[in-house]
Amino acid sequence: MAKLGKRTKGALWALIAPTSLFIVTFILFAIINWIFNPTMWPTADTEALTPTPIGFTIANIILFLAGTISVITWLPGIITGIVLLSTKK
């Protein structure tokens, strides 16, 4: 297998990292909200809704920020990666 140069590795990171981060963030967000969302827990009709745990809220905020970063860096990463791969020194 051929060794990749620093320029090629950087280009591949710029192309793959934002998309991978978005996909992983979306999957984790869906799983966490599906399992740990207290509004989905069964309760009797006479009981009040269960308050949202602070850990659940913090996890949602972290995942939201990770998703935001991935969306903001996606287009510049694609452009940078293509430019780095298409130009030679």
N, C-alpha and C. Protein backbone atom coordinates (compact mmCIF):
# COMPACT_ATOMS: atom_id res chain seq x y z
N MET A 1 0.83 -1.18 0.00
CA MET A 1 0.00 0.00 0.00
C MET A 1 0.88 1.25 0.00
N ALA A 2 0.54 2.20 -0.83
CA ALA A 2 1.34 3.41 -0.96
C ALA A 2 1.15 4.31 0.26
N LYS A 3 2.24 4.98 0.61
CA LYS A 3 2.17 5.93 1.73
C LYS A 3 1.53 7.23 1.24
N LEU A 4 0.69 7.77 2.09
CA LEU A 4 0.04 9.03 1.76
C LEU A 4 0.85 10.18 2.33
N GLY A 5 0.95 11.24 1.57
CA GLY A 5 1.65 12.43 2.03
C GLY A 5 0.78 13.24 2.98
N LYS A 6 1.41 14.22 3.60
CA LYS A 6 0.68 15.09 4.54
C LYS A 6 -0.45 15.84 3.83
N ARG A 7 -0.19 16.25 2.62
CA ARG A 7 -1.18 17.01 1.86
C ARG A 7 -2.40 16.14 1.55
N THR A 8 -2.16 14.90 1.17
CA THR A 8 -3.27 13.98 0.86
C THR A 8 -4.05 13.63 2.11
N LYS A 9 -3.35 13.39 3.21
CA LYS A 9 -4.03 13.08 4.47
C LYS A 9 -4.90 14.26 4.92
N GLY A 10 -4.35 15.46 4.81
CA GLY A 10 -5.12 16.65 5.16
C GLY A 10 -6.35 16.82 4.28
N ALA A 11 -6.19 16.52 3.00
CA ALA A 11 -7.33 16.63 2.08
C ALA A 11 -8.40 15.61 2.42
N LEU A 12 -8.00 14.39 2.72
CA LEU A 12 -8.98 13.36 3.09
C LEU A 12 -9.68 13.71 4.40
N TRP A 13 -8.94 14.25 5.36
CA TRP A 13 -9.57 14.68 6.61
C TRP A 13 -10.58 15.79 6.34
N ALA A 14 -10.22 16.72 5.50
CA ALA A 14 -11.13 17.84 5.19
C ALA A 14 -12.39 17.35 4.48
N LEU A 15 -12.26 16.30 3.68
CA LEU A 15 -13.41 15.76 2.97
C LEU A 15 -14.29 14.87 3.85
N ILE A 16 -13.68 14.03 4.66
CA ILE A 16 -14.41 12.99 5.39
C ILE A 16 -14.89 13.43 6.77
N ALA A 17 -14.10 14.20 7.49
CA ALA A 17 -14.40 14.51 8.89
C ALA A 17 -15.74 15.22 9.11
N PRO A 18 -16.07 16.30 8.38
CA PRO A 18 -17.35 16.96 8.65
C PRO A 18 -18.56 16.08 8.37
N THR A 19 -18.50 15.30 7.30
CA THR A 19 -19.61 14.41 6.97
C THR A 19 -19.75 13.32 8.01
N SER A 20 -18.64 12.73 8.41
CA SER A 20 -18.67 11.68 9.44
C SER A 20 -19.20 12.22 10.76
N LEU A 21 -18.74 13.41 11.14
CA LEU A 21 -19.21 14.02 12.38
C LEU A 21 -20.71 14.26 12.33
N PHE A 22 -21.23 14.71 11.20
CA PHE A 22 -22.66 14.94 11.07
C PHE A 22 -23.45 13.64 11.20
N ILE A 23 -22.99 12.60 10.53
CA ILE A 23 -23.70 11.31 10.56
C ILE A 23 -23.69 10.73 11.97
N VAL A 24 -22.53 10.74 12.62
CA VAL A 24 -22.43 10.20 13.97
C VAL A 24 -23.27 11.01 14.95
N THR A 25 -23.23 12.33 14.82
CA THR A 25 -24.02 13.19 15.69
C THR A 25 -25.51 12.94 15.51
N PHE A 26 -25.95 12.82 14.28
CA PHE A 26 -27.37 12.58 14.00
C PHE A 26 -27.83 11.24 14.58
N ILE A 27 -27.02 10.21 14.40
CA ILE A 27 -27.37 8.88 14.94
C ILE A 27 -27.41 8.91 16.46
N LEU A 28 -26.41 9.50 17.10
CA LEU A 28 -26.40 9.59 18.57
C LEU A 28 -27.57 10.41 19.09
N PHE A 29 -27.86 11.51 18.41
CA PHE A 29 -28.99 12.35 18.81
C PHE A 29 -30.30 11.56 18.75
N ALA A 30 -30.49 10.81 17.68
CA ALA A 30 -31.70 10.01 17.53
C ALA A 30 -31.79 8.93 18.60
N ILE A 31 -30.70 8.24 18.85
CA ILE A 31 -30.70 7.16 19.85
C ILE A 31 -30.94 7.71 21.25
N ILE A 32 -30.22 8.76 21.61
CA ILE A 32 -30.36 9.33 22.95
C ILE A 32 -31.77 9.85 23.18
N ASN A 33 -32.33 10.52 22.19
CA ASN A 33 -33.68 11.05 22.36
C ASN A 33 -34.73 9.96 22.34
N TRP A 34 -34.48 8.89 21.64
CA TRP A 34 -35.43 7.78 21.60
C TRP A 34 -35.44 7.02 22.91
N ILE A 35 -34.28 6.82 23.51
CA ILE A 35 -34.18 6.02 24.74
C ILE A 35 -34.43 6.87 25.99
N PHE A 36 -33.81 8.02 26.08
CA PHE A 36 -33.79 8.77 27.33
C PHE A 36 -34.78 9.92 27.42
N ASN A 37 -35.58 10.16 26.42
CA ASN A 37 -36.54 11.27 26.46
C ASN A 37 -37.66 10.96 27.45
N PRO A 38 -37.79 11.73 28.52
CA PRO A 38 -38.80 11.41 29.55
C PRO A 38 -40.23 11.59 29.08
N THR A 39 -40.48 12.32 28.02
CA THR A 39 -41.85 12.45 27.54
C THR A 39 -42.33 11.18 26.85
N MET A 40 -41.40 10.29 26.52
CA MET A 40 -41.77 9.03 25.89
C MET A 40 -42.01 7.92 26.92
N TRP A 41 -41.64 8.18 28.19
CA TRP A 41 -41.82 7.16 29.22
C TRP A 41 -43.29 7.03 29.56
N PRO A 42 -43.80 5.82 29.70
CA PRO A 42 -45.23 5.66 30.03
C PRO A 42 -45.54 6.15 31.45
N THR A 43 -46.60 6.92 31.58
CA THR A 43 -47.06 7.40 32.89
C THR A 43 -48.58 7.26 32.92
N ALA A 44 -49.09 7.23 34.12
CA ALA A 44 -50.54 7.19 34.27
C ALA A 44 -51.13 8.54 33.85
N ASP A 45 -52.38 8.54 33.49
CA ASP A 45 -53.02 9.78 33.03
C ASP A 45 -53.09 10.85 34.11
N THR A 46 -53.11 10.44 35.37
CA THR A 46 -53.25 11.40 36.46
C THR A 46 -51.91 11.97 36.91
N GLU A 47 -50.80 11.37 36.48
CA GLU A 47 -49.48 11.83 36.92
C GLU A 47 -48.99 12.97 36.02
N ALA A 48 -48.18 13.83 36.62
CA ALA A 48 -47.55 14.90 35.86
C ALA A 48 -46.42 14.33 35.02
N LEU A 49 -46.04 15.06 33.99
CA LEU A 49 -44.92 14.62 33.16
C LEU A 49 -43.63 14.63 33.98
N THR A 50 -42.76 13.70 33.66
CA THR A 50 -41.48 13.62 34.33
C THR A 50 -40.59 14.76 33.85
N PRO A 51 -39.94 15.47 34.79
CA PRO A 51 -39.05 16.55 34.34
C PRO A 51 -37.85 15.99 33.57
N THR A 52 -37.33 16.78 32.67
CA THR A 52 -36.19 16.36 31.87
C THR A 52 -34.93 16.37 32.73
N PRO A 53 -34.20 15.25 32.77
CA PRO A 53 -32.96 15.20 33.54
C PRO A 53 -31.89 16.14 32.97
N ILE A 54 -31.04 16.67 33.83
CA ILE A 54 -30.03 17.63 33.39
C ILE A 54 -29.00 16.98 32.48
N GLY A 55 -28.67 15.72 32.71
CA GLY A 55 -27.71 15.01 31.85
C GLY A 55 -28.23 14.88 30.43
N PHE A 56 -29.52 14.64 30.30
CA PHE A 56 -30.16 14.55 28.98
C PHE A 56 -30.08 15.89 28.27
N THR A 57 -30.32 16.95 28.98
CA THR A 57 -30.25 18.29 28.39
C THR A 57 -28.82 18.62 27.96
N ILE A 58 -27.85 18.30 28.79
CA ILE A 58 -26.45 18.57 28.47
C ILE A 58 -26.02 17.76 27.25
N ALA A 59 -26.44 16.49 27.18
CA ALA A 59 -26.10 15.66 26.01
C ALA A 59 -26.70 16.24 24.74
N ASN A 60 -27.93 16.73 24.82
CA ASN A 60 -28.56 17.34 23.64
C ASN A 60 -27.84 18.60 23.21
N ILE A 61 -27.39 19.41 24.16
CA ILE A 61 -26.66 20.64 23.83
C ILE A 61 -25.33 20.30 23.17
N ILE A 62 -24.61 19.33 23.71
CA ILE A 62 -23.32 18.93 23.13
C ILE A 62 -23.51 18.39 21.72
N LEU A 63 -24.52 17.55 21.53
CA LEU A 63 -24.78 17.00 20.20
C LEU A 63 -25.23 18.10 19.23
N PHE A 64 -26.00 19.06 19.70
CA PHE A 64 -26.42 20.17 18.86
C PHE A 64 -25.20 20.98 18.41
N LEU A 65 -24.28 21.26 19.34
CA LEU A 65 -23.08 22.02 18.98
C LEU A 65 -22.19 21.23 18.01
N ALA A 66 -22.05 19.92 18.22
CA ALA A 66 -21.27 19.10 17.30
C ALA A 66 -21.90 19.10 15.91
N GLY A 67 -23.21 18.99 15.84
CA GLY A 67 -23.90 19.04 14.56
C GLY A 67 -23.75 20.38 13.88
N THR A 68 -23.80 21.45 14.66
CA THR A 68 -23.62 22.80 14.11
C THR A 68 -22.22 22.95 13.53
N ILE A 69 -21.22 22.48 14.25
CA ILE A 69 -19.84 22.56 13.77
C ILE A 69 -19.68 21.77 12.48
N SER A 70 -20.29 20.58 12.42
CA SER A 70 -20.16 19.77 11.21
C SER A 70 -20.83 20.42 10.01
N VAL A 71 -21.97 21.06 10.22
CA VAL A 71 -22.66 21.72 9.11
C VAL A 71 -21.89 22.95 8.65
N ILE A 72 -21.33 23.71 9.59
CA ILE A 72 -20.58 24.92 9.23
C ILE A 72 -19.29 24.56 8.49
N THR A 73 -18.64 23.46 8.87
CA THR A 73 -17.36 23.10 8.26
C THR A 73 -17.50 22.20 7.04
N TRP A 74 -18.71 21.78 6.70
CA TRP A 74 -18.88 20.82 5.61
C TRP A 74 -18.45 21.41 4.26
N LEU A 75 -19.04 22.52 3.84
CA LEU A 75 -18.72 23.09 2.52
C LEU A 75 -17.27 23.56 2.42
N PRO A 76 -16.73 24.29 3.41
CA PRO A 76 -15.32 24.65 3.30
C PRO A 76 -14.40 23.41 3.29
N GLY A 77 -14.79 22.35 4.01
CA GLY A 77 -13.98 21.13 4.00
C GLY A 77 -14.00 20.46 2.64
N ILE A 78 -15.16 20.42 2.01
CA ILE A 78 -15.26 19.83 0.67
C ILE A 78 -14.41 20.62 -0.32
N ILE A 79 -14.53 21.93 -0.28
CA ILE A 79 -13.77 22.77 -1.21
C ILE A 79 -12.27 22.63 -0.97
N THR A 80 -11.85 22.70 0.30
CA THR A 80 -10.43 22.58 0.63
C THR A 80 -9.90 21.23 0.23
N GLY A 81 -10.64 20.18 0.52
CA GLY A 81 -10.19 18.83 0.17
C GLY A 81 -10.03 18.63 -1.32
N ILE A 82 -10.99 19.14 -2.09
CA ILE A 82 -10.90 19.01 -3.55
C ILE A 82 -9.72 19.79 -4.09
N VAL A 83 -9.51 21.00 -3.58
CA VAL A 83 -8.39 21.82 -4.04
C VAL A 83 -7.06 21.15 -3.69
N LEU A 84 -6.95 20.61 -2.47
CA LEU A 84 -5.70 19.97 -2.07
C LEU A 84 -5.44 18.70 -2.88
N LEU A 85 -6.49 17.96 -3.20
CA LEU A 85 -6.28 16.73 -3.98
C LEU A 85 -6.01 17.01 -5.45
N SER A 86 -6.55 18.09 -5.98
CA SER A 86 -6.41 18.35 -7.42
C SER A 86 -5.15 19.12 -7.78
N THR A 87 -4.53 19.76 -6.80
CA THR A 87 -3.30 20.52 -7.10
C THR A 87 -2.10 19.77 -6.56
N LYS A 88 -1.03 19.86 -7.28
CA LYS A 88 0.24 19.24 -6.86
C LYS A 88 1.23 20.33 -6.53
N LYS A 89 2.22 19.96 -5.72
CA LYS A 89 3.28 20.92 -5.41
C LYS A 89 4.15 21.15 -6.60
